Every structure is written in C-alpha cells, then in structure tokens.
Amino acid sequence: MRVLTCADSGVLVEVADLTEVIALGAALDARPLPGVADVVPAARTVLLRLVPGADPGAVAAAVREVPLALVGGPAEGETVVVPVVYDGEDLADVARLTGLTPRGVVAAHTAATWTVAFCGFAPGFGYMVCDDDRLHVPRRAEARTRVPAGSVALAGEFTGVYPRSSPGGWQLLGRTEERIWDLERDPPGLLRPGVRVRFEEAS
C-alpha cells in the first residue's frame, strides 16, 4: 500500500489490485476515518476526499493502519436485482470467446453475484466484478458510436450497465429497463461501490 497526500484536500491510496480496492472500501465503510468526507475507489487506487480543515497527514497515517490482510470481501450489504432481456448483439460472440453456449453465458451471468468495485466513464456506470473467470472477455475490436441506455455488457473482468446512450466498446449481452441513473432518486446511482448485484433473466 502506498499512501500519498493530495494537497490539503485529499489522500490517495495506491494498492496492489482490485481485490484490495474492494477490501479497503469495505473497511472504510465499516469504520469511517475521522476527517474523510468521501471515499472514491478506482481500479487500483482509493481517493479519500477530506472535510475542510482535516489534516491530510493524520488521515494518511490512519489509513496505513487499516489491516487489509484481515479484511475479506465486501461486507454483506445492499443487493440490487437487475432484470435483463438477454438478446444482445454480441451474445453469440461472447459465447464463442468463452467456449460456452449463448444459454451458458446467460446462466453464468445470472448465477454470479457481482460487486460494484468502482464507478466511472459516465454518471452511474458501475464496474462490477465476480469470481467467475469464464466471463472475462476482451472489448470489441471496434467500438460502437451509440450504445443504448440500459445495455448490459462485458469487457475484461467487468460487467456494466450503460446508464445513458453513449459510444462504447463493450460486448453487449442484453438490456434492462431498470433506471441506472435517476436524478430524482436519492442517491441517483443505483449501482454504487460496494453494492452487490444479481442479474435476473426477464421474460
């Protein structure tokens, strides 16, 4: 773990891998550090945004004492069920890449419990991981100029749901009617770091 202060408003924690990102996020959620206003995980880092007047040095020292080795996965918390119609344009390609049948891809995707590791790319876009390595597939060789909102997709070790229409190069499995980002909701993002997600096949 490498801990860096970011001027007087933040502390950046660099860790070895995504497993440690999730573990540190869970530890800080279970036992918040004084002076920390927000915890922002990414693929290999966790940014601690500080409240005005907090001492970055003190926060950095405190986060160094968090025993990651004693932290397992994320604590049992909120679980979101996302219904999906599995009719994505890339489902057959994903089946070929994984060595599964299309129905096997759907079965694996719905059997897994996914955890939102971090958010990025667009408001509400959660990068979700699970422990089924069979679902690791490369991005498309050529990105689409428009991916519809609600598209459920795979890329690398992640699955994600596009919260709004945007360009994208992930492999499309299907679509959901669930509102992933809604400014009328508190909080607006359905998929937030630490939230567990189960995908359910919709008829």
Protein backbone atom coordinates (compact mmCIF):
# COMPACT_ATOMS: atom_id res chain seq x y z
CA MET A 1 0.00 0.00 0.00
CA ARG A 2 1.31 3.45 -0.93
CA VAL A 3 -0.35 6.50 0.63
CA LEU A 4 0.05 9.96 -0.88
CA THR A 5 -1.38 13.28 0.25
CA CYS A 6 -3.15 15.36 -2.41
CA ALA A 7 -2.53 18.99 -1.45
CA ASP A 8 -4.71 19.80 1.57
CA SER A 9 -7.94 18.20 0.36
CA GLY A 10 -7.30 14.51 -0.18
CA VAL A 11 -5.32 11.35 0.37
CA LEU A 12 -4.66 8.88 -2.45
CA VAL A 13 -4.11 5.24 -1.55
CA GLU A 14 -2.42 3.04 -4.17
CA VAL A 15 -2.98 -0.70 -3.69
CA ALA A 16 -1.88 -3.86 -5.46
CA ASP A 17 -5.08 -4.85 -7.22
CA LEU A 18 -8.85 -4.54 -7.44
CA THR A 19 -9.35 -7.05 -4.61
CA GLU A 20 -7.53 -4.67 -2.27
CA VAL A 21 -9.56 -1.72 -3.59
CA ILE A 22 -12.77 -3.52 -2.65
CA ALA A 23 -11.36 -4.65 0.70
CA LEU A 24 -10.19 -1.15 1.62
CA GLY A 25 -13.52 0.33 0.57
CA ALA A 26 -15.35 -2.18 2.75
CA ALA A 27 -13.06 -1.50 5.70
CA LEU A 28 -13.53 2.27 5.43
CA ASP A 29 -17.28 1.83 5.09
CA ALA A 30 -17.38 -0.32 8.23
CA ARG A 31 -15.09 2.01 10.19
CA PRO A 32 -15.01 5.53 8.68
CA LEU A 33 -11.89 7.58 9.36
CA PRO A 34 -12.25 10.97 11.04
CA GLY A 35 -11.83 13.80 8.57
CA VAL A 36 -12.87 11.81 5.49
CA ALA A 37 -15.86 13.23 3.59
CA ASP A 38 -15.96 10.75 0.71
CA VAL A 39 -14.29 7.52 -0.42
CA VAL A 40 -13.77 7.24 -4.20
CA PRO A 41 -12.47 3.84 -5.39
CA ALA A 42 -10.95 3.22 -8.82
CA ALA A 43 -9.23 0.25 -10.46
CA ARG A 44 -6.02 0.41 -8.39
CA THR A 45 -6.49 3.40 -6.10
CA VAL A 46 -8.82 4.76 -3.44
CA LEU A 47 -9.12 8.54 -3.09
CA LEU A 48 -10.14 9.90 0.30
CA ARG A 49 -11.68 13.35 -0.08
CA LEU A 50 -11.27 15.27 3.16
CA VAL A 51 -13.58 17.61 5.03
CA PRO A 52 -12.34 21.22 5.18
CA GLY A 53 -9.72 21.61 7.86
CA ALA A 54 -8.86 17.91 8.15
CA ASP A 55 -5.18 17.04 8.49
CA PRO A 56 -4.06 15.01 5.42
CA GLY A 57 -1.04 13.70 7.31
CA ALA A 58 -3.20 12.35 10.13
CA VAL A 59 -5.62 10.71 7.68
CA ALA A 60 -2.71 9.20 5.74
CA ALA A 61 -1.28 7.77 8.96
CA ALA A 62 -4.67 6.35 9.95
CA VAL A 63 -5.31 4.66 6.60
CA ARG A 64 -1.90 2.97 6.80
CA GLU A 65 -3.16 1.20 9.91
CA VAL A 66 -6.17 -0.35 8.16
CA PRO A 67 -5.45 -4.12 8.21
CA LEU A 68 -6.26 -5.15 4.64
CA ALA A 69 -4.97 -8.66 5.27
CA LEU A 70 -7.74 -9.15 7.81
CA VAL A 71 -10.47 -7.87 5.51
CA GLY A 72 -12.20 -10.36 3.27
CA GLY A 73 -14.62 -9.33 0.56
CA PRO A 74 -17.12 -6.54 0.94
CA ALA A 75 -19.45 -6.83 3.88
CA GLU A 76 -22.95 -8.11 3.28
CA GLY A 77 -24.92 -5.04 2.39
CA GLU A 78 -27.38 -3.82 -0.18
CA THR A 79 -28.19 -6.21 -3.02
CA VAL A 80 -29.84 -4.96 -6.20
CA VAL A 81 -31.64 -7.26 -8.63
CA VAL A 82 -31.46 -6.15 -12.27
CA PRO A 83 -33.83 -7.88 -14.74
CA VAL A 84 -32.26 -8.39 -18.17
CA VAL A 85 -33.55 -9.42 -21.59
CA TYR A 86 -30.58 -11.37 -22.97
CA ASP A 87 -30.82 -10.53 -26.66
CA GLY A 88 -27.60 -8.53 -27.07
CA GLU A 89 -25.87 -8.22 -30.43
CA ASP A 90 -22.65 -9.72 -29.06
CA LEU A 91 -24.11 -12.67 -27.14
CA ALA A 92 -23.02 -15.18 -29.80
CA ASP A 93 -19.52 -13.66 -29.91
CA VAL A 94 -19.24 -13.84 -26.11
CA ALA A 95 -20.28 -17.49 -26.28
CA ARG A 96 -17.53 -18.16 -28.81
CA LEU A 97 -14.92 -16.29 -26.76
CA THR A 98 -15.81 -18.10 -23.54
CA GLY A 99 -16.38 -21.55 -25.02
CA LEU A 100 -19.92 -21.55 -23.64
CA THR A 101 -23.21 -21.68 -25.49
CA PRO A 102 -25.30 -18.49 -25.55
CA ARG A 103 -27.57 -20.06 -22.93
CA GLY A 104 -24.47 -20.97 -20.93
CA VAL A 105 -23.36 -17.33 -20.95
CA VAL A 106 -26.77 -16.26 -19.66
CA ALA A 107 -26.67 -18.96 -16.97
CA ALA A 108 -23.20 -17.89 -15.82
CA HIS A 109 -24.08 -14.19 -15.84
CA THR A 110 -27.24 -14.70 -13.78
CA ALA A 111 -25.67 -17.24 -11.39
CA ALA A 112 -22.87 -14.87 -10.35
CA THR A 113 -23.10 -12.35 -7.55
CA TRP A 114 -21.48 -9.18 -8.85
CA THR A 115 -19.95 -6.44 -6.72
CA VAL A 116 -19.67 -2.83 -7.85
CA ALA A 117 -15.94 -2.16 -7.49
CA PHE A 118 -15.96 1.45 -8.62
CA CYS A 119 -17.82 3.89 -10.88
CA GLY A 120 -16.62 5.91 -13.84
CA PHE A 121 -16.94 6.58 -17.58
CA ALA A 122 -20.41 8.13 -17.16
CA PRO A 123 -22.53 9.08 -14.11
CA GLY A 124 -23.90 5.86 -12.63
CA PHE A 125 -21.74 3.47 -14.66
CA GLY A 126 -20.64 0.80 -12.19
CA TYR A 127 -17.71 -1.52 -12.94
CA MET A 128 -18.85 -4.85 -11.48
CA VAL A 129 -16.73 -7.94 -10.79
CA CYS A 130 -17.45 -11.54 -9.83
CA ASP A 131 -15.38 -14.68 -9.25
CA ASP A 132 -16.35 -16.47 -12.49
CA ASP A 133 -13.28 -16.17 -14.72
CA ARG A 134 -15.17 -17.68 -17.65
CA LEU A 135 -16.87 -14.34 -18.22
CA HIS A 136 -13.62 -12.43 -18.85
CA VAL A 137 -13.72 -11.31 -22.48
CA PRO A 138 -11.90 -8.59 -24.45
CA ARG A 139 -13.51 -5.39 -25.59
CA ARG A 140 -14.80 -5.27 -29.14
CA ALA A 141 -12.14 -4.60 -31.77
CA GLU A 142 -14.23 -1.62 -32.91
CA ALA A 143 -16.35 0.50 -30.59
CA ARG A 144 -19.93 1.39 -31.43
CA THR A 145 -20.77 5.05 -31.88
CA ARG A 146 -24.00 4.56 -29.94
CA VAL A 147 -24.87 2.02 -27.26
CA PRO A 148 -28.47 2.34 -26.00
CA ALA A 149 -29.17 3.20 -22.37
CA GLY A 150 -29.80 0.08 -20.31
CA SER A 151 -27.44 -2.11 -22.33
CA VAL A 152 -25.80 -4.83 -20.22
CA ALA A 153 -22.28 -5.66 -21.33
CA LEU A 154 -18.96 -7.37 -20.60
CA ALA A 155 -15.36 -6.22 -21.08
CA GLY A 156 -12.24 -7.61 -19.44
CA GLU A 157 -13.13 -8.77 -15.93
CA PHE A 158 -16.09 -6.39 -15.67
CA THR A 159 -19.77 -6.27 -16.42
CA GLY A 160 -21.61 -2.96 -16.65
CA VAL A 161 -24.93 -1.34 -17.47
CA TYR A 162 -24.89 1.76 -19.67
CA PRO A 163 -26.85 4.43 -17.74
CA ARG A 164 -27.41 6.53 -20.84
CA SER A 165 -26.87 6.29 -24.58
CA SER A 166 -23.19 6.73 -25.40
CA PRO A 167 -20.35 5.35 -27.51
CA GLY A 168 -18.93 2.11 -26.17
CA GLY A 169 -16.75 -0.87 -26.99
CA TRP A 170 -18.05 -3.47 -24.55
CA GLN A 171 -19.64 -6.77 -25.60
CA LEU A 172 -23.44 -6.42 -25.42
CA LEU A 173 -25.30 -9.25 -23.66
CA GLY A 174 -28.76 -7.72 -23.37
CA ARG A 175 -30.77 -4.83 -21.98
CA THR A 176 -32.64 -3.76 -18.87
CA GLU A 177 -35.47 -1.30 -18.26
CA GLU A 178 -34.07 -0.53 -14.79
CA ARG A 179 -33.17 3.15 -14.34
CA ILE A 180 -29.47 3.06 -13.50
CA TRP A 181 -29.08 6.83 -13.04
CA ASP A 182 -32.01 8.95 -11.87
CA LEU A 183 -31.58 12.48 -10.52
CA GLU A 184 -34.99 12.22 -8.85
CA ARG A 185 -33.70 9.33 -6.69
CA ASP A 186 -31.55 9.63 -3.57
CA PRO A 187 -28.87 8.60 -4.25
CA PRO A 188 -29.18 8.98 -8.05
CA GLY A 189 -26.96 5.99 -8.85
CA LEU A 190 -28.48 2.52 -8.47
CA LEU A 191 -25.03 0.92 -8.78
CA ARG A 192 -22.62 2.32 -6.19
CA PRO A 193 -19.30 0.97 -4.92
CA GLY A 194 -19.86 -1.95 -2.56
CA VAL A 195 -23.39 -2.73 -3.79
CA ARG A 196 -23.95 -6.36 -4.75
CA VAL A 197 -25.85 -7.07 -7.96
CA ARG A 198 -27.75 -10.11 -9.17
CA PHE A 199 -28.86 -10.21 -12.79
CA GLU A 200 -32.15 -11.99 -13.42
CA GLU A 201 -33.38 -13.10 -16.81
CA ALA A 202 -36.56 -11.24 -17.75
CA SER A 203 -39.21 -12.92 -19.84
